[in-house]
């Protein structure tokens, strides 16, 4: 797709995710992703996400630029996070740090703070 760009960077600031006041993720190793037509997103290492609070859902989607995404829910928040997992991730279309197997939360549905 002409004019569609994706870039990532490791900004080095702290990113926290809270759902209903509970801290679900806290990381200073986030990768930010900028994609044409979409808001800036923060992808966090699984080690910095309380994965025991999330449940893998049956939802999956395909992005021609990033690959196949798997989704995760939190009680009362279905499909609130996603990840481009392993071999199904498309790396060649992204300039910058890899987002494979990192977790991204829907900023518009949860509280995401970035200490810039």
PDB file of N, CA and C in Angstrom:
ATOM      1  N   UNK A   1       0.851  -1.174   0.000  1.00  0.00           N
ATOM      2  CA  UNK A   1       0.000   0.000   0.000  1.00  0.00           C
ATOM      3  C   UNK A   1       0.897   1.237   0.000  1.00  0.00           C
ATOM      4  N   UNK A   2       0.804   2.054  -1.004  1.00  0.00           N
ATOM      5  CA  UNK A   2       1.627   3.239  -1.122  1.00  0.00           C
ATOM      6  C   UNK A   2       1.277   4.246  -0.035  1.00  0.00           C
ATOM      7  N   UNK A   3       2.289   4.819   0.580  1.00  0.00           N
ATOM      8  CA  UNK A   3       2.082   5.821   1.610  1.00  0.00           C
ATOM      9  C   UNK A   3       1.838   5.270   2.999  1.00  0.00           C
ATOM     10  N   UNK A   4       1.799   3.957   3.137  1.00  0.00           N
ATOM     11  CA  UNK A   4       1.592   3.350   4.444  1.00  0.00           C
ATOM     12  C   UNK A   4       2.945   3.071   5.072  1.00  0.00           C
ATOM     13  N   UNK A   5       3.175   3.683   6.229  1.00  0.00           N
ATOM     14  CA  UNK A   5       4.455   3.504   6.899  1.00  0.00           C
ATOM     15  C   UNK A   5       4.257   3.034   8.329  1.00  0.00           C
ATOM     16  N   UNK A   6       5.187   2.205   8.776  1.00  0.00           N
ATOM     17  CA  UNK A   6       5.213   1.733  10.155  1.00  0.00           C
ATOM     18  C   UNK A   6       6.639   1.889  10.651  1.00  0.00           C
ATOM     19  N   UNK A   7       6.764   2.509  11.816  1.00  0.00           N
ATOM     20  CA  UNK A   7       8.094   2.616  12.417  1.00  0.00           C
ATOM     21  C   UNK A   7       7.968   2.378  13.918  1.00  0.00           C
ATOM     22  N   UNK A   8       9.043   1.882  14.492  1.00  0.00           N
ATOM     23  CA  UNK A   8       9.066   1.631  15.927  1.00  0.00           C
ATOM     24  C   UNK A   8      10.323   2.231  16.518  1.00  0.00           C
ATOM     25  N   UNK A   9      10.248   2.486  17.824  1.00  0.00           N
ATOM     26  CA  UNK A   9      11.426   2.948  18.551  1.00  0.00           C
ATOM     27  C   UNK A   9      11.282   2.583  20.023  1.00  0.00           C
ATOM     28  N   UNK A  10      12.392   2.531  20.703  1.00  0.00           N
ATOM     29  CA  UNK A  10      12.383   2.321  22.149  1.00  0.00           C
ATOM     30  C   UNK A  10      12.656   3.682  22.782  1.00  0.00           C
ATOM     31  N   UNK A  11      11.603   4.325  23.280  1.00  0.00           N
ATOM     32  CA  UNK A  11      11.754   5.696  23.774  1.00  0.00           C
ATOM     33  C   UNK A  11      12.459   5.798  25.123  1.00  0.00           C
ATOM     34  N   UNK A  12      12.498   4.697  25.895  1.00  0.00           N
ATOM     35  CA  UNK A  12      13.195   4.722  27.177  1.00  0.00           C
ATOM     36  C   UNK A  12      12.399   5.307  28.328  1.00  0.00           C
ATOM     37  N   UNK A  13      11.131   5.631  28.117  1.00  0.00           N
ATOM     38  CA  UNK A  13      10.320   6.109  29.226  1.00  0.00           C
ATOM     39  C   UNK A  13       9.439   4.979  29.758  1.00  0.00           C
ATOM     40  N   UNK A  14       8.898   5.205  30.941  1.00  0.00           N
ATOM     41  CA  UNK A  14       8.088   4.197  31.617  1.00  0.00           C
ATOM     42  C   UNK A  14       6.642   4.256  31.127  1.00  0.00           C
ATOM     43  N   UNK A  15       6.072   3.080  30.870  1.00  0.00           N
ATOM     44  CA  UNK A  15       4.677   2.955  30.447  1.00  0.00           C
ATOM     45  C   UNK A  15       3.962   2.042  31.435  1.00  0.00           C
ATOM     46  N   UNK A  16       2.804   2.508  31.932  1.00  0.00           N
ATOM     47  CA  UNK A  16       1.992   1.715  32.855  1.00  0.00           C
ATOM     48  C   UNK A  16       0.598   1.533  32.264  1.00  0.00           C
ATOM     49  N   UNK A  17       0.041   0.366  32.498  1.00  0.00           N
ATOM     50  CA  UNK A  17      -1.325   0.076  32.052  1.00  0.00           C
ATOM     51  C   UNK A  17      -2.131  -0.318  33.272  1.00  0.00           C
ATOM     52  N   UNK A  18      -3.277   0.350  33.454  1.00  0.00           N
ATOM     53  CA  UNK A  18      -4.187   0.023  34.546  1.00  0.00           C
ATOM     54  C   UNK A  18      -5.570  -0.248  33.963  1.00  0.00           C
ATOM     55  N   UNK A  19      -6.221  -1.234  34.562  1.00  0.00           N
ATOM     56  CA  UNK A  19      -7.607  -1.536  34.196  1.00  0.00           C
ATOM     57  C   UNK A  19      -8.395  -1.555  35.492  1.00  0.00           C
ATOM     58  N   UNK A  20      -9.406  -0.709  35.570  1.00  0.00           N
ATOM     59  CA  UNK A  20     -10.206  -0.581  36.791  1.00  0.00           C
ATOM     60  C   UNK A  20      -9.321  -0.381  38.024  1.00  0.00           C
ATOM     61  N   UNK A  21      -8.260   0.396  37.866  1.00  0.00           N
ATOM     62  CA  UNK A  21      -7.372   0.720  38.982  1.00  0.00           C
ATOM     63  C   UNK A  21      -6.295  -0.304  39.260  1.00  0.00           C
ATOM     64  N   UNK A  22      -6.362  -1.472  38.626  1.00  0.00           N
ATOM     65  CA  UNK A  22      -5.348  -2.513  38.851  1.00  0.00           C
ATOM     66  C   UNK A  22      -4.225  -2.381  37.825  1.00  0.00           C
ATOM     67  N   UNK A  23      -2.988  -2.374  38.302  1.00  0.00           N
ATOM     68  CA  UNK A  23      -1.845  -2.301  37.400  1.00  0.00           C
ATOM     69  C   UNK A  23      -1.678  -3.651  36.713  1.00  0.00           C
ATOM     70  N   UNK A  24      -1.787  -3.630  35.396  1.00  0.00           N
ATOM     71  CA  UNK A  24      -1.697  -4.835  34.588  1.00  0.00           C
ATOM     72  C   UNK A  24      -0.329  -4.928  33.914  1.00  0.00           C
ATOM     73  N   UNK A  25       0.305  -3.780  33.702  1.00  0.00           N
ATOM     74  CA  UNK A  25       1.627  -3.765  33.073  1.00  0.00           C
ATOM     75  C   UNK A  25       2.394  -2.533  33.543  1.00  0.00           C
ATOM     76  N   UNK A  26       3.705  -2.698  33.643  1.00  0.00           N
ATOM     77  CA  UNK A  26       4.591  -1.605  34.058  1.00  0.00           C
ATOM     78  C   UNK A  26       5.949  -1.884  33.416  1.00  0.00           C
ATOM     79  N   UNK A  27       6.372  -1.009  32.518  1.00  0.00           N
ATOM     80  CA  UNK A  27       7.591  -1.297  31.766  1.00  0.00           C
ATOM     81  C   UNK A  27       8.376  -0.038  31.431  1.00  0.00           C
ATOM     82  N   UNK A  28       9.690  -0.160  31.486  1.00  0.00           N
ATOM     83  CA  UNK A  28      10.551   0.898  30.958  1.00  0.00           C
ATOM     84  C   UNK A  28      11.270   0.377  29.704  1.00  0.00           C
ATOM     85  N   UNK A  29      10.709  -0.712  29.138  1.00  0.00           N
ATOM     86  CA  UNK A  29      11.280  -1.319  27.930  1.00  0.00           C
ATOM     87  C   UNK A  29      10.272  -1.347  26.779  1.00  0.00           C
ATOM     88  N   UNK A  30       9.325  -0.433  26.797  1.00  0.00           N
ATOM     89  CA  UNK A  30       8.285  -0.394  25.765  1.00  0.00           C
ATOM     90  C   UNK A  30       8.881  -0.082  24.398  1.00  0.00           C
ATOM     91  N   UNK A  31       8.188  -0.547  23.386  1.00  0.00           N
ATOM     92  CA  UNK A  31       8.484  -0.180  22.004  1.00  0.00           C
ATOM     93  C   UNK A  31       7.257   0.573  21.508  1.00  0.00           C
ATOM     94  N   UNK A  32       7.450   1.793  21.029  1.00  0.00           N
ATOM     95  CA  UNK A  32       6.323   2.549  20.491  1.00  0.00           C
ATOM     96  C   UNK A  32       6.235   2.288  18.990  1.00  0.00           C
ATOM     97  N   UNK A  33       5.004   2.181  18.499  1.00  0.00           N
ATOM     98  CA  UNK A  33       4.769   1.916  17.094  1.00  0.00           C
ATOM     99  C   UNK A  33       3.927   3.044  16.525  1.00  0.00           C
ATOM    100  N   UNK A  34       4.426   3.650  15.470  1.00  0.00           N
ATOM    101  CA  UNK A  34       3.694   4.683  14.734  1.00  0.00           C
ATOM    102  C   UNK A  34       3.322   4.087  13.384  1.00  0.00           C
ATOM    103  N   UNK A  35       2.025   4.132  13.066  1.00  0.00           N
ATOM    104  CA  UNK A  35       1.543   3.560  11.811  1.00  0.00           C
ATOM    105  C   UNK A  35       0.580   4.543  11.159  1.00  0.00           C
ATOM    106  N   UNK A  36       0.738   4.742   9.870  1.00  0.00           N
ATOM    107  CA  UNK A  36      -0.114   5.647   9.114  1.00  0.00           C
ATOM    108  C   UNK A  36      -1.585   5.339   9.382  1.00  0.00           C
ATOM    109  N   UNK A  37      -2.329   6.365   9.808  1.00  0.00           N
ATOM    110  CA  UNK A  37      -3.766   6.227  10.017  1.00  0.00           C
ATOM    111  C   UNK A  37      -4.190   5.705  11.371  1.00  0.00           C
ATOM    112  N   UNK A  38      -3.228   5.429  12.267  1.00  0.00           N
ATOM    113  CA  UNK A  38      -3.546   4.876  13.576  1.00  0.00           C
ATOM    114  C   UNK A  38      -2.853   5.676  14.676  1.00  0.00           C
ATOM    115  N   UNK A  39      -3.404   5.635  15.899  1.00  0.00           N
ATOM    116  CA  UNK A  39      -2.727   6.330  17.005  1.00  0.00           C
ATOM    117  C   UNK A  39      -1.437   5.605  17.397  1.00  0.00           C
ATOM    118  N   UNK A  40      -0.533   6.336  18.016  1.00  0.00           N
ATOM    119  CA  UNK A  40       0.702   5.755  18.539  1.00  0.00           C
ATOM    120  C   UNK A  40       0.342   4.658  19.532  1.00  0.00           C
ATOM    121  N   UNK A  41       1.012   3.527  19.452  1.00  0.00           N
ATOM    122  CA  UNK A  41       0.754   2.406  20.349  1.00  0.00           C
ATOM    123  C   UNK A  41       2.026   2.021  21.086  1.00  0.00           C
ATOM    124  N   UNK A  42       1.843   1.509  22.304  1.00  0.00           N
ATOM    125  CA  UNK A  42       2.958   1.025  23.117  1.00  0.00           C
ATOM    126  C   UNK A  42       2.890  -0.498  23.187  1.00  0.00           C
ATOM    127  N   UNK A  43       3.954  -1.147  22.784  1.00  0.00           N
ATOM    128  CA  UNK A  43       4.076  -2.607  22.861  1.00  0.00           C
ATOM    129  C   UNK A  43       5.028  -2.931  24.002  1.00  0.00           C
ATOM    130  N   UNK A  44       4.599  -3.823  24.893  1.00  0.00           N
ATOM    131  CA  UNK A  44       5.344  -4.104  26.118  1.00  0.00           C
ATOM    132  C   UNK A  44       5.811  -5.560  26.168  1.00  0.00           C
ATOM    133  N   UNK A  45       7.013  -5.797  26.688  1.00  0.00           N
ATOM    134  CA  UNK A  45       7.475  -7.181  26.847  1.00  0.00           C
ATOM    135  C   UNK A  45       6.543  -7.960  27.769  1.00  0.00           C
ATOM    136  N   UNK A  46       6.297  -9.198  27.432  1.00  0.00           N
ATOM    137  CA  UNK A  46       5.413 -10.040  28.252  1.00  0.00           C
ATOM    138  C   UNK A  46       5.896 -10.132  29.694  1.00  0.00           C
ATOM    139  N   UNK A  47       7.192 -10.085  29.903  1.00  0.00           N
ATOM    140  CA  UNK A  47       7.749 -10.156  31.260  1.00  0.00           C
ATOM    141  C   UNK A  47       7.315  -8.959  32.111  1.00  0.00           C
ATOM    142  N   UNK A  48       6.896  -7.868  31.463  1.00  0.00           N
ATOM    143  CA  UNK A  48       6.466  -6.663  32.167  1.00  0.00           C
ATOM    144  C   UNK A  48       4.939  -6.547  32.245  1.00  0.00           C
ATOM    145  N   UNK A  49       4.254  -7.559  31.753  1.00  0.00           N
ATOM    146  CA  UNK A  49       2.790  -7.607  31.764  1.00  0.00           C
ATOM    147  C   UNK A  49       2.363  -8.731  32.699  1.00  0.00           C
ATOM    148  N   UNK A  50       1.378  -8.468  33.521  1.00  0.00           N
ATOM    149  CA  UNK A  50       0.861  -9.501  34.423  1.00  0.00           C
ATOM    150  C   UNK A  50      -0.039 -10.438  33.610  1.00  0.00           C
ATOM    151  N   UNK A  51       0.602 -11.329  32.871  1.00  0.00           N
ATOM    152  CA  UNK A  51      -0.099 -12.218  31.955  1.00  0.00           C
ATOM    153  C   UNK A  51      -1.104 -13.115  32.670  1.00  0.00           C
ATOM    154  N   UNK A  52      -0.894 -13.368  33.973  1.00  0.00           N
ATOM    155  CA  UNK A  52      -1.836 -14.211  34.717  1.00  0.00           C
ATOM    156  C   UNK A  52      -3.205 -13.541  34.854  1.00  0.00           C
ATOM    157  N   UNK A  53      -3.273 -12.234  34.623  1.00  0.00           N
ATOM    158  CA  UNK A  53      -4.544 -11.514  34.698  1.00  0.00           C
ATOM    159  C   UNK A  53      -5.293 -11.527  33.364  1.00  0.00           C
ATOM    160  N   UNK A  54      -4.608 -11.924  32.310  1.00  0.00           N
ATOM    161  CA  UNK A  54      -5.194 -11.913  30.975  1.00  0.00           C
ATOM    162  C   UNK A  54      -5.561 -13.323  30.542  1.00  0.00           C
ATOM    163  N   UNK A  55      -6.584 -13.402  29.717  1.00  0.00           N
ATOM    164  CA  UNK A  55      -7.029 -14.682  29.174  1.00  0.00           C
ATOM    165  C   UNK A  55      -6.964 -14.612  27.659  1.00  0.00           C
ATOM    166  N   UNK A  56      -6.318 -15.590  27.073  1.00  0.00           N
ATOM    167  CA  UNK A  56      -6.231 -15.650  25.605  1.00  0.00           C
ATOM    168  C   UNK A  56      -7.629 -15.874  25.059  1.00  0.00           C
ATOM    169  N   UNK A  57      -8.033 -15.072  24.073  1.00  0.00           N
ATOM    170  CA  UNK A  57      -9.366 -15.226  23.485  1.00  0.00           C
ATOM    171  C   UNK A  57      -9.261 -15.999  22.171  1.00  0.00           C
ATOM    172  N   UNK A  58     -10.403 -16.274  21.594  1.00  0.00           N
ATOM    173  CA  UNK A  58     -10.434 -16.970  20.309  1.00  0.00           C
ATOM    174  C   UNK A  58     -10.298 -16.006  19.136  1.00  0.00           C
ATOM    175  N   UNK A  59     -10.284 -14.720  19.416  1.00  0.00           N
ATOM    176  CA  UNK A  59     -10.182 -13.717  18.364  1.00  0.00           C
ATOM    177  C   UNK A  59      -8.780 -13.706  17.763  1.00  0.00           C
ATOM    178  N   UNK A  60      -8.725 -13.572  16.463  1.00  0.00           N
ATOM    179  CA  UNK A  60      -7.462 -13.349  15.779  1.00  0.00           C
ATOM    180  C   UNK A  60      -7.752 -12.462  14.567  1.00  0.00           C
ATOM    181  N   UNK A  61      -6.767 -11.684  14.198  1.00  0.00           N
ATOM    182  CA  UNK A  61      -6.903 -10.830  13.021  1.00  0.00           C
ATOM    183  C   UNK A  61      -5.614 -10.902  12.214  1.00  0.00           C
ATOM    184  N   UNK A  62      -5.685 -10.445  10.978  1.00  0.00           N
ATOM    185  CA  UNK A  62      -4.503 -10.415  10.131  1.00  0.00           C
ATOM    186  C   UNK A  62      -4.288  -9.004   9.612  1.00  0.00           C
ATOM    187  N   UNK A  63      -3.089  -8.512   9.757  1.00  0.00           N
ATOM    188  CA  UNK A  63      -2.682  -7.227   9.193  1.00  0.00           C
ATOM    189  C   UNK A  63      -1.651  -7.537   8.103  1.00  0.00           C
ATOM    190  N   UNK A  64      -1.830  -7.021   6.902  1.00  0.00           N
ATOM    191  CA  UNK A  64      -0.864  -7.316   5.848  1.00  0.00           C
ATOM    192  C   UNK A  64       0.527  -6.748   6.130  1.00  0.00           C
ATOM    193  N   UNK A  65       0.606  -5.838   7.088  1.00  0.00           N
ATOM    194  CA  UNK A  65       1.883  -5.198   7.406  1.00  0.00           C
ATOM    195  C   UNK A  65       2.563  -5.787   8.636  1.00  0.00           C
ATOM    196  N   UNK A  66       1.754  -6.264   9.599  1.00  0.00           N
ATOM    197  CA  UNK A  66       2.324  -6.747  10.866  1.00  0.00           C
ATOM    198  C   UNK A  66       2.124  -8.238  11.086  1.00  0.00           C
ATOM    199  N   UNK A  67       1.233  -8.869  10.358  1.00  0.00           N
ATOM    200  CA  UNK A  67       1.029 -10.310  10.488  1.00  0.00           C
ATOM    201  C   UNK A  67      -0.245 -10.663  11.236  1.00  0.00           C
ATOM    202  N   UNK A  68      -0.243 -11.858  11.846  1.00  0.00           N
ATOM    203  CA  UNK A  68      -1.413 -12.379  12.555  1.00  0.00           C
ATOM    204  C   UNK A  68      -1.346 -12.012  14.027  1.00  0.00           C
ATOM    205  N   UNK A  69      -2.444 -11.446  14.530  1.00  0.00           N
ATOM    206  CA  UNK A  69      -2.507 -11.025  15.931  1.00  0.00           C
ATOM    207  C   UNK A  69      -3.370 -11.986  16.732  1.00  0.00           C
ATOM    208  N   UNK A  70      -2.914 -12.279  17.941  1.00  0.00           N
ATOM    209  CA  UNK A  70      -3.718 -13.013  18.910  1.00  0.00           C
ATOM    210  C   UNK A  70      -4.192 -12.004  19.945  1.00  0.00           C
ATOM    211  N   UNK A  71      -5.358 -12.263  20.550  1.00  0.00           N
ATOM    212  CA  UNK A  71      -5.977 -11.304  21.468  1.00  0.00           C
ATOM    213  C   UNK A  71      -6.119 -11.869  22.875  1.00  0.00           C
ATOM    214  N   UNK A  72      -6.186 -10.933  23.827  1.00  0.00           N
ATOM    215  CA  UNK A  72      -6.306 -11.269  25.238  1.00  0.00           C
ATOM    216  C   UNK A  72      -7.385 -10.405  25.872  1.00  0.00           C
ATOM    217  N   UNK A  73      -8.096 -10.988  26.839  1.00  0.00           N
ATOM    218  CA  UNK A  73      -9.106 -10.250  27.574  1.00  0.00           C
ATOM    219  C   UNK A  73      -8.747 -10.149  29.041  1.00  0.00           C
ATOM    220  N   UNK A  74      -9.418  -9.243  29.696  1.00  0.00           N
ATOM    221  CA  UNK A  74      -9.344  -9.027  31.136  1.00  0.00           C
ATOM    222  C   UNK A  74     -10.805  -9.049  31.589  1.00  0.00           C
ATOM    223  N   UNK A  75     -11.116  -9.519  32.798  1.00  0.00           N
ATOM    224  CA  UNK A  75     -12.524  -9.599  33.202  1.00  0.00           C
ATOM    225  C   UNK A  75     -13.297  -8.298  32.922  1.00  0.00           C
ATOM    226  N   UNK A  76     -14.325  -8.418  32.100  1.00  0.00           N
ATOM    227  CA  UNK A  76     -15.136  -7.267  31.717  1.00  0.00           C
ATOM    228  C   UNK A  76     -14.582  -6.485  30.535  1.00  0.00           C
ATOM    229  N   UNK A  77     -13.409  -6.882  30.026  1.00  0.00           N
ATOM    230  CA  UNK A  77     -12.752  -6.190  28.921  1.00  0.00           C
ATOM    231  C   UNK A  77     -12.275  -7.215  27.883  1.00  0.00           C
ATOM    232  N   UNK A  78     -13.191  -7.715  27.069  1.00  0.00           N
ATOM    233  CA  UNK A  78     -12.768  -8.695  26.064  1.00  0.00           C
ATOM    234  C   UNK A  78     -11.846  -8.062  25.015  1.00  0.00           C
ATOM    235  N   UNK A  79     -10.894  -8.838  24.559  1.00  0.00           N
ATOM    236  CA  UNK A  79      -9.999  -8.419  23.473  1.00  0.00           C
ATOM    237  C   UNK A  79      -9.389  -7.031  23.702  1.00  0.00           C
ATOM    238  N   UNK A  80      -8.905  -6.800  24.901  1.00  0.00           N
ATOM    239  CA  UNK A  80      -8.357  -5.500  25.277  1.00  0.00           C
ATOM    240  C   UNK A  80      -6.867  -5.370  24.953  1.00  0.00           C
ATOM    241  N   UNK A  81      -6.236  -6.494  24.602  1.00  0.00           N
ATOM    242  CA  UNK A  81      -4.809  -6.482  24.280  1.00  0.00           C
ATOM    243  C   UNK A  81      -4.548  -7.461  23.143  1.00  0.00           C
ATOM    244  N   UNK A  82      -3.440  -7.254  22.446  1.00  0.00           N
ATOM    245  CA  UNK A  82      -3.091  -8.145  21.340  1.00  0.00           C
ATOM    246  C   UNK A  82      -1.583  -8.256  21.203  1.00  0.00           C
ATOM    247  N   UNK A  83      -1.179  -9.254  20.422  1.00  0.00           N
ATOM    248  CA  UNK A  83       0.234  -9.507  20.193  1.00  0.00           C
ATOM    249  C   UNK A  83       0.406 -10.124  18.816  1.00  0.00           C
ATOM    250  N   UNK A  84       1.439  -9.715  18.121  1.00  0.00           N
ATOM    251  CA  UNK A  84       1.816 -10.342  16.849  1.00  0.00           C
ATOM    252  C   UNK A  84       2.835 -11.416  17.201  1.00  0.00           C
ATOM    253  N   UNK A  85       2.367 -12.652  17.220  1.00  0.00           N
ATOM    254  CA  UNK A  85       3.136 -13.734  17.823  1.00  0.00           C
ATOM    255  C   UNK A  85       4.057 -14.454  16.842  1.00  0.00           C
ATOM    256  N   UNK A  86       5.217 -14.776  17.344  1.00  0.00           N
ATOM    257  CA  UNK A  86       6.197 -15.646  16.716  1.00  0.00           C
ATOM    258  C   UNK A  86       6.295 -15.626  15.219  1.00  0.00           C
ATOM    259  N   UNK A  87       6.199 -16.806  14.614  1.00  0.00           N
ATOM    260  CA  UNK A  87       6.432 -16.940  13.186  1.00  0.00           C
ATOM    261  C   UNK A  87       5.361 -16.266  12.331  1.00  0.00           C
ATOM    262  N   UNK A  88       4.232 -15.896  12.932  1.00  0.00           N
ATOM    263  CA  UNK A  88       3.176 -15.244  12.160  1.00  0.00           C
ATOM    264  C   UNK A  88       3.340 -13.733  12.069  1.00  0.00           C
ATOM    265  N   UNK A  89       4.392 -13.206  12.669  1.00  0.00           N
ATOM    266  CA  UNK A  89       4.638 -11.766  12.604  1.00  0.00           C
ATOM    267  C   UNK A  89       5.427 -11.433  11.343  1.00  0.00           C
ATOM    268  N   UNK A  90       5.084 -10.313  10.738  1.00  0.00           N
ATOM    269  CA  UNK A  90       5.786  -9.851   9.542  1.00  0.00           C
ATOM    270  C   UNK A  90       6.761  -8.772   9.973  1.00  0.00           C
ATOM    271  N   UNK A  91       8.025  -9.037   9.879  1.00  0.00           N
ATOM    272  CA  UNK A  91       9.056  -8.108  10.347  1.00  0.00           C
ATOM    273  C   UNK A  91       9.536  -7.158   9.256  1.00  0.00           C
ATOM    274  N   UNK A  92       9.525  -7.579   8.021  1.00  0.00           N
ATOM    275  CA  UNK A  92      10.171  -6.820   6.951  1.00  0.00           C
ATOM    276  C   UNK A  92       9.532  -5.460   6.678  1.00  0.00           C
ATOM    277  N   UNK A  93       8.289  -5.262   7.106  1.00  0.00           N
ATOM    278  CA  UNK A  93       7.591  -4.009   6.817  1.00  0.00           C
ATOM    279  C   UNK A  93       7.751  -2.958   7.909  1.00  0.00           C
ATOM    280  N   UNK A  94       8.469  -3.275   8.966  1.00  0.00           N
ATOM    281  CA  UNK A  94       8.597  -2.357  10.089  1.00  0.00           C
ATOM    282  C   UNK A  94      10.046  -1.905  10.223  1.00  0.00           C
ATOM    283  N   UNK A  95      10.219  -0.594  10.325  1.00  0.00           N
ATOM    284  CA  UNK A  95      11.555  -0.043  10.509  1.00  0.00           C
ATOM    285  C   UNK A  95      11.745   0.278  11.983  1.00  0.00           C
ATOM    286  N   UNK A  96      12.731  -0.350  12.617  1.00  0.00           N
ATOM    287  CA  UNK A  96      13.001  -0.118  14.022  1.00  0.00           C
ATOM    288  C   UNK A  96      12.925  -1.408  14.811  1.00  0.00           C
ATOM    289  N   UNK A  97      12.877  -1.296  16.152  1.00  0.00           N
ATOM    290  CA  UNK A  97      12.835  -2.489  17.012  1.00  0.00           C
ATOM    291  C   UNK A  97      11.635  -3.383  16.703  1.00  0.00           C
ATOM    292  N   UNK A  98      11.816  -4.662  16.880  1.00  0.00           N
ATOM    293  CA  UNK A  98      10.801  -5.672  16.605  1.00  0.00           C
ATOM    294  C   UNK A  98       9.696  -5.647  17.666  1.00  0.00           C
ATOM    295  N   UNK A  99       8.454  -5.895  17.251  1.00  0.00           N
ATOM    296  CA  UNK A  99       7.323  -5.976  18.187  1.00  0.00           C
ATOM    297  C   UNK A  99       6.834  -7.404  18.373  1.00  0.00           C
ATOM    298  N   UNK A 100       7.483  -8.366  17.722  1.00  0.00           N
ATOM    299  CA  UNK A 100       7.059  -9.762  17.817  1.00  0.00           C
ATOM    300  C   UNK A 100       6.970 -10.206  19.272  1.00  0.00           C
ATOM    301  N   UNK A 101       5.827 -10.781  19.636  1.00  0.00           N
ATOM    302  CA  UNK A 101       5.545 -11.323  20.965  1.00  0.00           C
ATOM    303  C   UNK A 101       5.398 -10.267  22.062  1.00  0.00           C
ATOM    304  N   UNK A 102       5.404  -8.993  21.722  1.00  0.00           N
ATOM    305  CA  UNK A 102       5.128  -7.948  22.708  1.00  0.00           C
ATOM    306  C   UNK A 102       3.612  -7.759  22.804  1.00  0.00           C
ATOM    307  N   UNK A 103       3.156  -7.199  23.917  1.00  0.00           N
ATOM    308  CA  UNK A 103       1.728  -7.009  24.173  1.00  0.00           C
ATOM    309  C   UNK A 103       1.367  -5.534  24.040  1.00  0.00           C
ATOM    310  N   UNK A 104       0.279  -5.276  23.326  1.00  0.00           N
ATOM    311  CA  UNK A 104      -0.233  -3.918  23.165  1.00  0.00           C
ATOM    312  C   UNK A 104      -1.651  -3.865  23.716  1.00  0.00           C
ATOM    313  N   UNK A 105      -1.954  -2.809  24.450  1.00  0.00           N
ATOM    314  CA  UNK A 105      -3.294  -2.614  25.014  1.00  0.00           C
ATOM    315  C   UNK A 105      -4.030  -1.529  24.241  1.00  0.00           C
ATOM    316  N   UNK A 106      -5.343  -1.666  24.162  1.00  0.00           N
ATOM    317  CA  UNK A 106      -6.189  -0.672  23.508  1.00  0.00           C
ATOM    318  C   UNK A 106      -6.285   0.555  24.411  1.00  0.00           C
ATOM    319  N   UNK A 107      -5.475   1.551  24.114  1.00  0.00           N
ATOM    320  CA  UNK A 107      -5.390   2.764  24.941  1.00  0.00           C
ATOM    321  C   UNK A 107      -6.754   3.408  25.185  1.00  0.00           C
ATOM    322  N   UNK A 108      -7.644   3.294  24.214  1.00  0.00           N
ATOM    323  CA  UNK A 108      -8.949   3.937  24.331  1.00  0.00           C
ATOM    324  C   UNK A 108      -9.880   3.189  25.284  1.00  0.00           C
ATOM    325  N   UNK A 109      -9.480   2.004  25.743  1.00  0.00           N
ATOM    326  CA  UNK A 109     -10.330   1.203  26.627  1.00  0.00           C
ATOM    327  C   UNK A 109      -9.753   1.023  28.023  1.00  0.00           C
ATOM    328  N   UNK A 110      -8.483   1.333  28.201  1.00  0.00           N
ATOM    329  CA  UNK A 110      -7.812   1.184  29.492  1.00  0.00           C
ATOM    330  C   UNK A 110      -7.022   2.449  29.783  1.00  0.00           C
ATOM    331  N   UNK A 111      -6.450   2.527  30.964  1.00  0.00           N
ATOM    332  CA  UNK A 111      -5.635   3.690  31.329  1.00  0.00           C
ATOM    333  C   UNK A 111      -4.165   3.375  31.033  1.00  0.00           C
ATOM    334  N   UNK A 112      -3.600   4.067  30.044  1.00  0.00           N
ATOM    335  CA  UNK A 112      -2.193   3.915  29.710  1.00  0.00           C
ATOM    336  C   UNK A 112      -1.507   5.246  29.994  1.00  0.00           C
ATOM    337  N   UNK A 113      -0.485   5.200  30.838  1.00  0.00           N
ATOM    338  CA  UNK A 113       0.278   6.414  31.122  1.00  0.00           C
ATOM    339  C   UNK A 113       1.711   6.202  30.680  1.00  0.00           C
ATOM    340  N   UNK A 114       2.265   7.233  30.085  1.00  0.00           N
ATOM    341  CA  UNK A 114       3.655   7.194  29.632  1.00  0.00           C
ATOM    342  C   UNK A 114       4.388   8.368  30.279  1.00  0.00           C
ATOM    343  N   UNK A 115       5.399   8.060  31.072  1.00  0.00           N
ATOM    344  CA  UNK A 115       6.195   9.090  31.763  1.00  0.00           C
ATOM    345  C   UNK A 115       7.266   9.593  30.812  1.00  0.00           C
ATOM    346  N   UNK A 116       6.916  10.566  30.030  1.00  0.00           N
ATOM    347  CA  UNK A 116       7.852  11.098  29.041  1.00  0.00           C
ATOM    348  C   UNK A 116       8.719  12.162  29.632  1.00  0.00           C
TER     349      UNK A 116
END
